[in-house]
């Protein structure tokens, strides 16, 4: 379990370093898993998910400051991207095992996931794949995980409203698998 979790987070950090440093933060396929129901139905072809530090308060405060300090969204994006390009993804052990996704307020995907409360996230990139059965919940307003997801996403979309759905995915690492 711990080995698989460490491998997954290491892989995710590498994908995200490349995305930040070479692609301006654009999510790569390995950051956008397929989402399947417990019965194997496809809920979403791709859903962008974030990994969040175990203690996200410091990075969340930085992201919030960058978004709020300037009326120029380009400036917030550039400062935030520089932060993410530096050493943010250097230590996979600093990240918790939960994943988060931000979806629009009227999203049928969010409604279905919140209703089913379980799903399978199927990640695939570079001949590496991970299948993570997950419990799904929606953190309350003010929750550190929700705030981390909102302010991270606002670096890229400063007009993101508070009314969006933030879903948290808690992998069941004992049932997760990887290939290879």
N, C-alpha and C. Protein backbone atom coordinates (compact mmCIF):
# COMPACT_ATOMS: atom_id res chain seq x y z
N UNK A 1 0.83 -1.19 0.00
CA UNK A 1 0.00 0.00 0.00
C UNK A 1 0.87 1.25 0.00
N UNK A 2 1.76 1.40 0.96
CA UNK A 2 2.59 2.60 1.03
C UNK A 2 3.49 2.72 -0.19
N UNK A 3 3.99 1.57 -0.69
CA UNK A 3 4.84 1.60 -1.87
C UNK A 3 4.07 2.11 -3.08
N UNK A 4 2.86 1.62 -3.27
CA UNK A 4 2.04 2.04 -4.41
C UNK A 4 1.70 3.52 -4.29
N UNK A 5 1.34 3.96 -3.11
CA UNK A 5 1.03 5.38 -2.88
C UNK A 5 2.25 6.24 -3.19
N UNK A 6 3.42 5.84 -2.73
CA UNK A 6 4.65 6.59 -3.00
C UNK A 6 4.96 6.63 -4.49
N UNK A 7 4.80 5.50 -5.17
CA UNK A 7 5.04 5.46 -6.62
C UNK A 7 4.09 6.37 -7.36
N UNK A 8 2.82 6.33 -6.99
CA UNK A 8 1.82 7.16 -7.64
C UNK A 8 2.14 8.65 -7.44
N UNK A 9 2.40 9.05 -6.21
CA UNK A 9 2.68 10.46 -5.94
C UNK A 9 3.98 10.91 -6.61
N UNK A 10 4.99 10.05 -6.66
CA UNK A 10 6.22 10.39 -7.37
C UNK A 10 5.96 10.60 -8.85
N UNK A 11 5.17 9.72 -9.44
CA UNK A 11 4.80 9.82 -10.86
C UNK A 11 4.00 11.11 -11.10
N UNK A 12 3.03 11.38 -10.24
CA UNK A 12 2.23 12.59 -10.38
C UNK A 12 3.10 13.85 -10.27
N UNK A 13 4.03 13.85 -9.34
CA UNK A 13 4.92 15.02 -9.20
C UNK A 13 5.76 15.22 -10.46
N UNK A 14 6.27 14.14 -11.03
CA UNK A 14 7.04 14.27 -12.28
C UNK A 14 6.17 14.83 -13.41
N UNK A 15 4.96 14.30 -13.56
CA UNK A 15 4.05 14.80 -14.59
C UNK A 15 3.78 16.29 -14.40
N UNK A 16 3.58 16.69 -13.18
CA UNK A 16 3.22 18.07 -12.89
C UNK A 16 4.42 19.01 -13.03
N UNK A 17 5.60 18.55 -12.70
CA UNK A 17 6.80 19.36 -12.94
C UNK A 17 6.93 19.67 -14.43
N UNK A 18 6.76 18.66 -15.25
CA UNK A 18 6.87 18.84 -16.70
C UNK A 18 5.76 19.77 -17.20
N UNK A 19 4.54 19.56 -16.74
CA UNK A 19 3.42 20.40 -17.16
C UNK A 19 3.67 21.87 -16.80
N UNK A 20 4.20 22.11 -15.62
CA UNK A 20 4.44 23.49 -15.18
C UNK A 20 5.61 24.11 -15.93
N UNK A 21 6.68 23.34 -16.10
CA UNK A 21 7.91 23.89 -16.68
C UNK A 21 7.90 23.95 -18.20
N UNK A 22 7.17 23.05 -18.85
CA UNK A 22 7.22 23.00 -20.31
C UNK A 22 5.90 23.38 -20.99
N UNK A 23 4.79 23.25 -20.28
CA UNK A 23 3.48 23.45 -20.91
C UNK A 23 2.64 24.54 -20.26
N UNK A 24 3.27 25.43 -19.50
CA UNK A 24 2.54 26.54 -18.91
C UNK A 24 1.46 26.14 -17.92
N UNK A 25 1.58 24.94 -17.36
CA UNK A 25 0.60 24.46 -16.39
C UNK A 25 -0.54 23.67 -16.99
N UNK A 26 -0.55 23.50 -18.30
CA UNK A 26 -1.62 22.75 -18.97
C UNK A 26 -1.58 21.29 -18.50
N UNK A 27 -2.70 20.77 -18.02
CA UNK A 27 -2.72 19.38 -17.52
C UNK A 27 -2.41 18.37 -18.63
N UNK A 28 -1.58 17.41 -18.29
CA UNK A 28 -1.25 16.33 -19.22
C UNK A 28 -2.26 15.20 -19.04
N UNK A 29 -2.28 14.22 -19.95
CA UNK A 29 -3.23 13.11 -19.84
C UNK A 29 -3.15 12.38 -18.49
N UNK A 30 -1.97 12.24 -17.92
CA UNK A 30 -1.81 11.54 -16.65
C UNK A 30 -2.36 12.29 -15.45
N UNK A 31 -2.72 13.55 -15.65
CA UNK A 31 -3.33 14.36 -14.60
C UNK A 31 -4.85 14.41 -14.77
N UNK A 32 -5.34 13.71 -15.81
CA UNK A 32 -6.77 13.74 -16.16
C UNK A 32 -7.29 12.31 -16.32
N UNK A 33 -7.53 11.62 -15.21
CA UNK A 33 -7.96 10.22 -15.30
C UNK A 33 -9.36 10.06 -15.88
N UNK A 34 -9.59 8.88 -16.45
CA UNK A 34 -10.97 8.46 -16.75
C UNK A 34 -11.64 8.19 -15.42
N UNK A 35 -12.92 8.45 -15.36
CA UNK A 35 -13.68 8.22 -14.14
C UNK A 35 -14.75 7.19 -14.44
N UNK A 36 -14.72 6.09 -13.69
CA UNK A 36 -15.65 5.00 -13.90
C UNK A 36 -16.48 4.76 -12.63
N UNK A 37 -17.71 4.32 -12.84
CA UNK A 37 -18.56 3.97 -11.70
C UNK A 37 -18.12 2.62 -11.16
N UNK A 38 -18.70 2.23 -10.05
CA UNK A 38 -18.41 0.92 -9.47
C UNK A 38 -18.76 -0.23 -10.39
N UNK A 39 -19.73 -0.01 -11.27
CA UNK A 39 -20.14 -1.07 -12.21
C UNK A 39 -19.36 -0.99 -13.52
N UNK A 40 -18.44 -0.02 -13.63
CA UNK A 40 -17.61 0.08 -14.82
C UNK A 40 -18.11 1.05 -15.88
N UNK A 41 -19.23 1.72 -15.63
CA UNK A 41 -19.73 2.73 -16.57
C UNK A 41 -18.80 3.94 -16.55
N UNK A 42 -18.60 4.53 -17.72
CA UNK A 42 -17.77 5.72 -17.79
C UNK A 42 -18.59 6.93 -17.34
N UNK A 43 -18.11 7.59 -16.31
CA UNK A 43 -18.74 8.81 -15.80
C UNK A 43 -18.14 10.02 -16.50
N UNK A 44 -16.82 9.99 -16.70
CA UNK A 44 -16.13 11.09 -17.40
C UNK A 44 -14.95 10.51 -18.16
N UNK A 45 -14.78 10.98 -19.38
CA UNK A 45 -13.65 10.55 -20.21
C UNK A 45 -12.33 11.04 -19.61
N UNK A 46 -12.34 12.25 -19.04
CA UNK A 46 -11.15 12.82 -18.40
C UNK A 46 -11.60 13.87 -17.39
N UNK A 47 -10.99 13.83 -16.22
CA UNK A 47 -11.30 14.79 -15.15
C UNK A 47 -9.97 15.28 -14.58
N UNK A 48 -9.72 16.56 -14.67
CA UNK A 48 -8.48 17.11 -14.14
C UNK A 48 -8.52 17.06 -12.62
N UNK A 49 -7.52 16.41 -12.04
CA UNK A 49 -7.42 16.32 -10.58
C UNK A 49 -6.12 16.95 -10.11
N UNK A 50 -6.16 17.43 -8.89
CA UNK A 50 -4.98 18.02 -8.25
C UNK A 50 -4.49 17.11 -7.15
N UNK A 51 -3.19 17.14 -6.93
CA UNK A 51 -2.64 16.58 -5.69
C UNK A 51 -2.41 17.79 -4.79
N UNK A 52 -2.64 17.61 -3.51
CA UNK A 52 -2.59 18.71 -2.56
C UNK A 52 -1.60 18.36 -1.45
N UNK A 53 -0.77 19.32 -1.04
CA UNK A 53 0.15 19.04 0.07
C UNK A 53 -0.62 18.58 1.31
N UNK A 54 0.03 17.75 2.09
CA UNK A 54 -0.58 17.26 3.35
C UNK A 54 -1.01 18.45 4.21
N UNK A 55 -0.21 19.50 4.20
CA UNK A 55 -0.52 20.74 4.91
C UNK A 55 -0.58 21.87 3.89
N UNK A 56 -1.76 22.13 3.35
CA UNK A 56 -1.86 23.06 2.22
C UNK A 56 -1.96 24.54 2.60
N UNK A 57 -2.00 24.87 3.86
CA UNK A 57 -2.28 26.25 4.26
C UNK A 57 -1.29 27.26 3.68
N UNK A 58 -0.01 26.94 3.68
CA UNK A 58 1.00 27.90 3.19
C UNK A 58 0.85 28.14 1.68
N UNK A 59 0.74 27.08 0.91
CA UNK A 59 0.60 27.26 -0.54
C UNK A 59 -0.74 27.90 -0.87
N UNK A 60 -1.79 27.56 -0.15
CA UNK A 60 -3.10 28.17 -0.39
C UNK A 60 -3.02 29.68 -0.14
N UNK A 61 -2.36 30.07 0.95
CA UNK A 61 -2.21 31.50 1.25
C UNK A 61 -1.43 32.21 0.14
N UNK A 62 -0.41 31.56 -0.38
CA UNK A 62 0.37 32.15 -1.48
C UNK A 62 -0.51 32.32 -2.72
N UNK A 63 -1.25 31.27 -3.08
CA UNK A 63 -2.11 31.34 -4.27
C UNK A 63 -3.17 32.45 -4.09
N UNK A 64 -3.80 32.50 -2.92
CA UNK A 64 -4.82 33.51 -2.65
C UNK A 64 -4.21 34.91 -2.78
N UNK A 65 -3.04 35.11 -2.21
CA UNK A 65 -2.37 36.41 -2.28
C UNK A 65 -2.10 36.81 -3.73
N UNK A 66 -1.60 35.87 -4.52
CA UNK A 66 -1.29 36.17 -5.92
C UNK A 66 -2.54 36.57 -6.70
N UNK A 67 -3.62 35.86 -6.48
CA UNK A 67 -4.86 36.14 -7.21
C UNK A 67 -5.45 37.48 -6.77
N UNK A 68 -5.39 37.78 -5.47
CA UNK A 68 -6.03 38.99 -4.96
C UNK A 68 -5.18 40.25 -5.07
N UNK A 69 -3.88 40.13 -5.24
CA UNK A 69 -3.00 41.29 -5.18
C UNK A 69 -3.02 42.16 -6.43
N UNK A 70 -3.45 41.62 -7.52
CA UNK A 70 -3.39 42.38 -8.76
C UNK A 70 -4.69 42.24 -9.55
N UNK A 71 -5.04 43.30 -10.25
CA UNK A 71 -6.20 43.23 -11.13
C UNK A 71 -5.84 42.56 -12.45
N UNK A 72 -4.56 42.31 -12.65
CA UNK A 72 -4.08 41.69 -13.89
C UNK A 72 -3.98 40.17 -13.71
N UNK A 73 -4.90 39.40 -14.28
CA UNK A 73 -4.86 37.95 -14.09
C UNK A 73 -3.58 37.32 -14.63
N UNK A 74 -2.98 37.94 -15.64
CA UNK A 74 -1.72 37.42 -16.22
C UNK A 74 -0.60 37.45 -15.18
N UNK A 75 -0.57 38.51 -14.37
CA UNK A 75 0.45 38.63 -13.33
C UNK A 75 0.29 37.53 -12.28
N UNK A 76 -0.94 37.29 -11.84
CA UNK A 76 -1.18 36.22 -10.86
C UNK A 76 -0.77 34.87 -11.43
N UNK A 77 -1.14 34.62 -12.68
CA UNK A 77 -0.77 33.37 -13.36
C UNK A 77 0.74 33.21 -13.40
N UNK A 78 1.46 34.24 -13.82
CA UNK A 78 2.92 34.15 -13.95
C UNK A 78 3.59 33.91 -12.62
N UNK A 79 3.17 34.63 -11.56
CA UNK A 79 3.76 34.42 -10.24
C UNK A 79 3.42 33.03 -9.70
N UNK A 80 2.18 32.63 -9.89
CA UNK A 80 1.77 31.30 -9.43
C UNK A 80 2.50 30.20 -10.18
N UNK A 81 2.62 30.35 -11.49
CA UNK A 81 3.33 29.36 -12.30
C UNK A 81 4.79 29.27 -11.89
N UNK A 82 5.44 30.41 -11.63
CA UNK A 82 6.83 30.39 -11.18
C UNK A 82 6.96 29.60 -9.87
N UNK A 83 6.02 29.78 -8.98
CA UNK A 83 6.01 29.05 -7.71
C UNK A 83 5.88 27.54 -7.96
N UNK A 84 4.96 27.18 -8.85
CA UNK A 84 4.74 25.76 -9.15
C UNK A 84 5.90 25.15 -9.94
N UNK A 85 6.61 25.96 -10.71
CA UNK A 85 7.75 25.49 -11.48
C UNK A 85 8.98 25.26 -10.61
N UNK A 86 9.07 25.95 -9.50
CA UNK A 86 10.25 25.88 -8.64
C UNK A 86 10.31 24.52 -7.96
N UNK A 87 10.15 24.48 -6.68
CA UNK A 87 10.31 23.21 -5.95
C UNK A 87 9.00 22.65 -5.40
N UNK A 88 7.87 23.19 -5.81
CA UNK A 88 6.57 22.78 -5.27
C UNK A 88 6.36 21.27 -5.39
N UNK A 89 6.72 20.68 -6.52
CA UNK A 89 6.50 19.25 -6.75
C UNK A 89 7.75 18.41 -6.52
N UNK A 90 8.75 18.95 -5.83
CA UNK A 90 10.02 18.24 -5.62
C UNK A 90 9.93 17.09 -4.62
N UNK A 91 9.05 17.20 -3.64
CA UNK A 91 8.98 16.21 -2.57
C UNK A 91 7.63 15.50 -2.57
N UNK A 92 7.52 14.37 -3.26
CA UNK A 92 6.25 13.65 -3.28
C UNK A 92 5.70 13.32 -1.89
N UNK A 93 6.59 13.11 -0.92
CA UNK A 93 6.15 12.78 0.43
C UNK A 93 5.40 13.93 1.10
N UNK A 94 5.53 15.14 0.57
CA UNK A 94 4.83 16.29 1.14
C UNK A 94 3.34 16.30 0.78
N UNK A 95 2.96 15.46 -0.18
CA UNK A 95 1.58 15.46 -0.65
C UNK A 95 0.78 14.36 0.04
N UNK A 96 -0.47 14.71 0.38
CA UNK A 96 -1.37 13.74 0.96
C UNK A 96 -1.88 12.81 -0.13
N UNK A 97 -2.51 11.77 0.26
CA UNK A 97 -3.01 10.81 -0.71
C UNK A 97 -4.33 11.19 -1.35
N UNK A 98 -4.99 12.24 -0.85
CA UNK A 98 -6.28 12.64 -1.43
C UNK A 98 -6.07 13.47 -2.68
N UNK A 99 -6.99 13.33 -3.62
CA UNK A 99 -7.00 14.09 -4.86
C UNK A 99 -8.24 14.96 -4.85
N UNK A 100 -8.19 16.08 -5.55
CA UNK A 100 -9.36 16.95 -5.64
C UNK A 100 -9.60 17.38 -7.07
N UNK A 101 -10.85 17.68 -7.36
CA UNK A 101 -11.24 18.19 -8.67
C UNK A 101 -12.26 19.30 -8.47
N UNK A 102 -12.20 20.29 -9.35
CA UNK A 102 -13.14 21.40 -9.33
C UNK A 102 -14.03 21.27 -10.55
N UNK A 103 -15.35 21.26 -10.31
CA UNK A 103 -16.32 21.12 -11.40
C UNK A 103 -17.34 22.25 -11.32
N UNK A 104 -17.94 22.61 -12.46
CA UNK A 104 -18.94 23.68 -12.47
C UNK A 104 -20.14 23.37 -11.57
N UNK A 105 -20.81 24.42 -11.16
CA UNK A 105 -21.96 24.29 -10.25
C UNK A 105 -23.03 23.35 -10.79
N UNK A 106 -23.33 23.41 -12.07
CA UNK A 106 -24.41 22.60 -12.65
C UNK A 106 -23.88 21.31 -13.29
N UNK A 107 -22.74 20.85 -12.87
CA UNK A 107 -22.11 19.68 -13.49
C UNK A 107 -22.84 18.38 -13.18
N UNK A 108 -23.32 17.66 -14.22
CA UNK A 108 -23.93 16.35 -13.99
C UNK A 108 -22.90 15.34 -13.46
N UNK A 109 -21.65 15.51 -13.86
CA UNK A 109 -20.58 14.62 -13.36
C UNK A 109 -20.43 14.78 -11.86
N UNK A 110 -20.40 16.03 -11.39
CA UNK A 110 -20.29 16.28 -9.94
C UNK A 110 -21.49 15.70 -9.20
N UNK A 111 -22.68 15.89 -9.74
CA UNK A 111 -23.88 15.36 -9.09
C UNK A 111 -23.84 13.84 -9.01
N UNK A 112 -23.42 13.20 -10.08
CA UNK A 112 -23.38 11.74 -10.09
C UNK A 112 -22.33 11.23 -9.11
N UNK A 113 -21.14 11.82 -9.13
CA UNK A 113 -20.08 11.37 -8.22
C UNK A 113 -20.47 11.60 -6.76
N UNK A 114 -21.05 12.74 -6.47
CA UNK A 114 -21.48 13.03 -5.10
C UNK A 114 -22.57 12.05 -4.67
N UNK A 115 -23.44 11.68 -5.60
CA UNK A 115 -24.50 10.73 -5.29
C UNK A 115 -24.00 9.31 -5.09
N UNK A 116 -23.10 8.87 -5.95
CA UNK A 116 -22.59 7.49 -5.86
C UNK A 116 -21.57 7.32 -4.74
N UNK A 117 -20.82 8.38 -4.45
CA UNK A 117 -19.85 8.41 -3.35
C UNK A 117 -18.67 7.45 -3.53
N UNK A 118 -18.59 6.78 -4.66
CA UNK A 118 -17.46 5.90 -4.97
C UNK A 118 -17.21 5.96 -6.46
N UNK A 119 -15.96 5.76 -6.85
CA UNK A 119 -15.63 5.70 -8.28
C UNK A 119 -14.26 5.05 -8.43
N UNK A 120 -13.87 4.86 -9.66
CA UNK A 120 -12.54 4.38 -10.00
C UNK A 120 -11.89 5.44 -10.87
N UNK A 121 -10.71 5.91 -10.47
CA UNK A 121 -9.93 6.84 -11.28
C UNK A 121 -8.88 6.02 -12.01
N UNK A 122 -8.89 6.10 -13.35
CA UNK A 122 -7.96 5.33 -14.19
C UNK A 122 -6.99 6.29 -14.87
N UNK A 123 -5.77 6.33 -14.35
CA UNK A 123 -4.71 7.20 -14.85
C UNK A 123 -3.86 6.45 -15.87
N UNK A 124 -3.41 7.16 -16.90
CA UNK A 124 -2.59 6.51 -17.92
C UNK A 124 -1.74 7.55 -18.66
N UNK A 125 -0.44 7.37 -18.63
CA UNK A 125 0.49 8.18 -19.43
C UNK A 125 1.86 7.52 -19.40
N UNK A 126 2.58 7.61 -20.51
CA UNK A 126 3.95 7.11 -20.63
C UNK A 126 4.07 5.62 -20.31
N UNK A 127 3.18 4.83 -20.80
CA UNK A 127 3.19 3.39 -20.55
C UNK A 127 3.12 3.06 -19.06
N UNK A 128 2.58 3.96 -18.28
CA UNK A 128 2.34 3.76 -16.85
C UNK A 128 0.87 4.01 -16.60
N UNK A 129 0.26 3.12 -15.83
CA UNK A 129 -1.14 3.33 -15.47
C UNK A 129 -1.36 2.99 -14.01
N UNK A 130 -2.33 3.65 -13.44
CA UNK A 130 -2.76 3.40 -12.06
C UNK A 130 -4.28 3.35 -12.07
N UNK A 131 -4.83 2.43 -11.31
CA UNK A 131 -6.28 2.33 -11.13
C UNK A 131 -6.55 2.48 -9.62
N UNK A 132 -7.25 3.56 -9.29
CA UNK A 132 -7.48 3.89 -7.89
C UNK A 132 -8.97 3.89 -7.57
N UNK A 133 -9.45 2.86 -6.86
CA UNK A 133 -10.82 2.93 -6.35
C UNK A 133 -10.86 4.01 -5.26
N UNK A 134 -11.86 4.87 -5.31
CA UNK A 134 -11.89 6.02 -4.40
C UNK A 134 -13.26 6.21 -3.76
N UNK A 135 -13.23 6.69 -2.53
CA UNK A 135 -14.42 7.25 -1.90
C UNK A 135 -14.46 8.71 -2.33
N UNK A 136 -15.66 9.23 -2.57
CA UNK A 136 -15.82 10.61 -3.04
C UNK A 136 -16.63 11.39 -2.01
N UNK A 137 -16.16 12.58 -1.69
CA UNK A 137 -16.96 13.47 -0.85
C UNK A 137 -16.76 14.91 -1.32
N UNK A 138 -17.58 15.79 -0.79
CA UNK A 138 -17.50 17.20 -1.15
C UNK A 138 -17.18 17.99 0.12
N UNK A 139 -15.92 18.45 0.24
CA UNK A 139 -15.54 19.20 1.45
C UNK A 139 -16.41 20.45 1.63
N UNK A 140 -16.66 20.79 2.88
CA UNK A 140 -17.46 21.96 3.22
C UNK A 140 -16.72 23.25 2.90
N UNK A 141 -17.46 24.34 2.77
CA UNK A 141 -16.87 25.67 2.59
C UNK A 141 -15.91 25.92 3.75
N UNK A 142 -14.75 26.46 3.43
CA UNK A 142 -13.75 26.75 4.45
C UNK A 142 -12.81 25.60 4.75
N UNK A 143 -13.13 24.39 4.32
CA UNK A 143 -12.25 23.24 4.52
C UNK A 143 -10.93 23.49 3.79
N UNK A 144 -9.80 23.13 4.42
CA UNK A 144 -8.47 23.40 3.84
C UNK A 144 -8.30 22.77 2.46
N UNK A 145 -8.83 21.58 2.25
CA UNK A 145 -8.72 20.91 0.97
C UNK A 145 -9.50 21.68 -0.11
N UNK A 146 -10.70 22.11 0.24
CA UNK A 146 -11.52 22.90 -0.70
C UNK A 146 -10.83 24.21 -1.05
N UNK A 147 -10.33 24.90 -0.04
CA UNK A 147 -9.65 26.18 -0.27
C UNK A 147 -8.41 25.99 -1.14
N UNK A 148 -7.65 24.93 -0.89
CA UNK A 148 -6.46 24.66 -1.70
C UNK A 148 -6.83 24.48 -3.16
N UNK A 149 -7.89 23.72 -3.43
CA UNK A 149 -8.32 23.48 -4.81
C UNK A 149 -8.82 24.76 -5.46
N UNK A 150 -9.62 25.54 -4.75
CA UNK A 150 -10.15 26.78 -5.31
C UNK A 150 -9.06 27.76 -5.68
N UNK A 151 -8.15 28.04 -4.75
CA UNK A 151 -7.14 29.07 -5.00
C UNK A 151 -6.09 28.60 -6.01
N UNK A 152 -5.78 27.32 -6.04
CA UNK A 152 -4.88 26.80 -7.07
C UNK A 152 -5.52 27.02 -8.45
N UNK A 153 -6.78 26.66 -8.58
CA UNK A 153 -7.47 26.80 -9.86
C UNK A 153 -7.67 28.26 -10.25
N UNK A 154 -7.80 29.13 -9.27
CA UNK A 154 -7.98 30.56 -9.58
C UNK A 154 -6.72 31.19 -10.16
N UNK A 155 -5.56 30.57 -9.98
CA UNK A 155 -4.37 31.06 -10.67
C UNK A 155 -4.58 31.00 -12.18
N UNK A 156 -5.27 29.97 -12.62
CA UNK A 156 -5.49 29.73 -14.05
C UNK A 156 -6.83 30.30 -14.53
N UNK A 157 -7.77 30.49 -13.60
CA UNK A 157 -9.09 31.03 -13.93
C UNK A 157 -9.55 31.91 -12.76
N UNK A 158 -9.12 33.17 -12.73
CA UNK A 158 -9.43 34.03 -11.58
C UNK A 158 -10.91 34.32 -11.39
N UNK A 159 -11.73 34.03 -12.39
CA UNK A 159 -13.17 34.28 -12.29
C UNK A 159 -13.94 33.08 -11.74
N UNK A 160 -13.24 32.08 -11.28
CA UNK A 160 -13.88 30.88 -10.74
C UNK A 160 -14.74 31.24 -9.54
N UNK A 161 -16.04 30.97 -9.59
CA UNK A 161 -16.93 31.36 -8.48
C UNK A 161 -16.83 30.39 -7.30
N UNK A 162 -17.29 30.85 -6.15
CA UNK A 162 -17.32 30.00 -4.96
C UNK A 162 -18.33 28.87 -5.09
N UNK A 163 -19.27 29.00 -6.03
CA UNK A 163 -20.37 28.04 -6.15
C UNK A 163 -19.98 26.75 -6.86
N UNK A 164 -18.74 26.62 -7.29
CA UNK A 164 -18.32 25.38 -7.96
C UNK A 164 -18.35 24.21 -6.98
N UNK A 165 -18.33 23.01 -7.53
CA UNK A 165 -18.19 21.81 -6.72
C UNK A 165 -16.72 21.47 -6.61
N UNK A 166 -16.28 21.22 -5.40
CA UNK A 166 -14.94 20.68 -5.18
C UNK A 166 -15.15 19.28 -4.63
N UNK A 167 -14.69 18.29 -5.38
CA UNK A 167 -14.82 16.91 -4.95
C UNK A 167 -13.47 16.39 -4.50
N UNK A 168 -13.48 15.65 -3.41
CA UNK A 168 -12.27 15.03 -2.87
C UNK A 168 -12.36 13.52 -3.09
N UNK A 169 -11.27 12.95 -3.52
CA UNK A 169 -11.19 11.51 -3.80
C UNK A 169 -10.17 10.90 -2.85
N UNK A 170 -10.63 9.95 -2.03
CA UNK A 170 -9.74 9.24 -1.11
C UNK A 170 -9.51 7.84 -1.65
N UNK A 171 -8.31 7.61 -2.23
CA UNK A 171 -8.04 6.28 -2.79
C UNK A 171 -8.01 5.20 -1.71
N UNK A 172 -8.48 4.04 -2.08
CA UNK A 172 -8.33 2.84 -1.26
C UNK A 172 -7.04 2.19 -1.74
N UNK A 173 -5.94 2.52 -1.10
CA UNK A 173 -4.62 2.08 -1.57
C UNK A 173 -4.46 0.57 -1.50
N UNK A 174 -5.22 -0.11 -0.63
CA UNK A 174 -5.10 -1.56 -0.54
C UNK A 174 -5.72 -2.25 -1.75
N UNK A 175 -6.63 -1.56 -2.45
CA UNK A 175 -7.27 -2.13 -3.64
C UNK A 175 -6.77 -1.51 -4.94
N UNK A 176 -5.90 -0.53 -4.85
CA UNK A 176 -5.36 0.15 -6.03
C UNK A 176 -4.37 -0.76 -6.75
N UNK A 177 -4.15 -0.46 -8.03
CA UNK A 177 -3.19 -1.24 -8.80
C UNK A 177 -2.43 -0.34 -9.76
N UNK A 178 -1.29 -0.85 -10.23
CA UNK A 178 -0.45 -0.14 -11.18
C UNK A 178 0.05 -1.11 -12.23
N UNK A 179 0.32 -0.55 -13.42
CA UNK A 179 0.92 -1.36 -14.49
C UNK A 179 1.93 -0.49 -15.21
N UNK A 180 3.15 -0.77 -15.25
CA UNK A 180 3.84 -1.79 -14.48
C UNK A 180 4.01 -1.37 -13.04
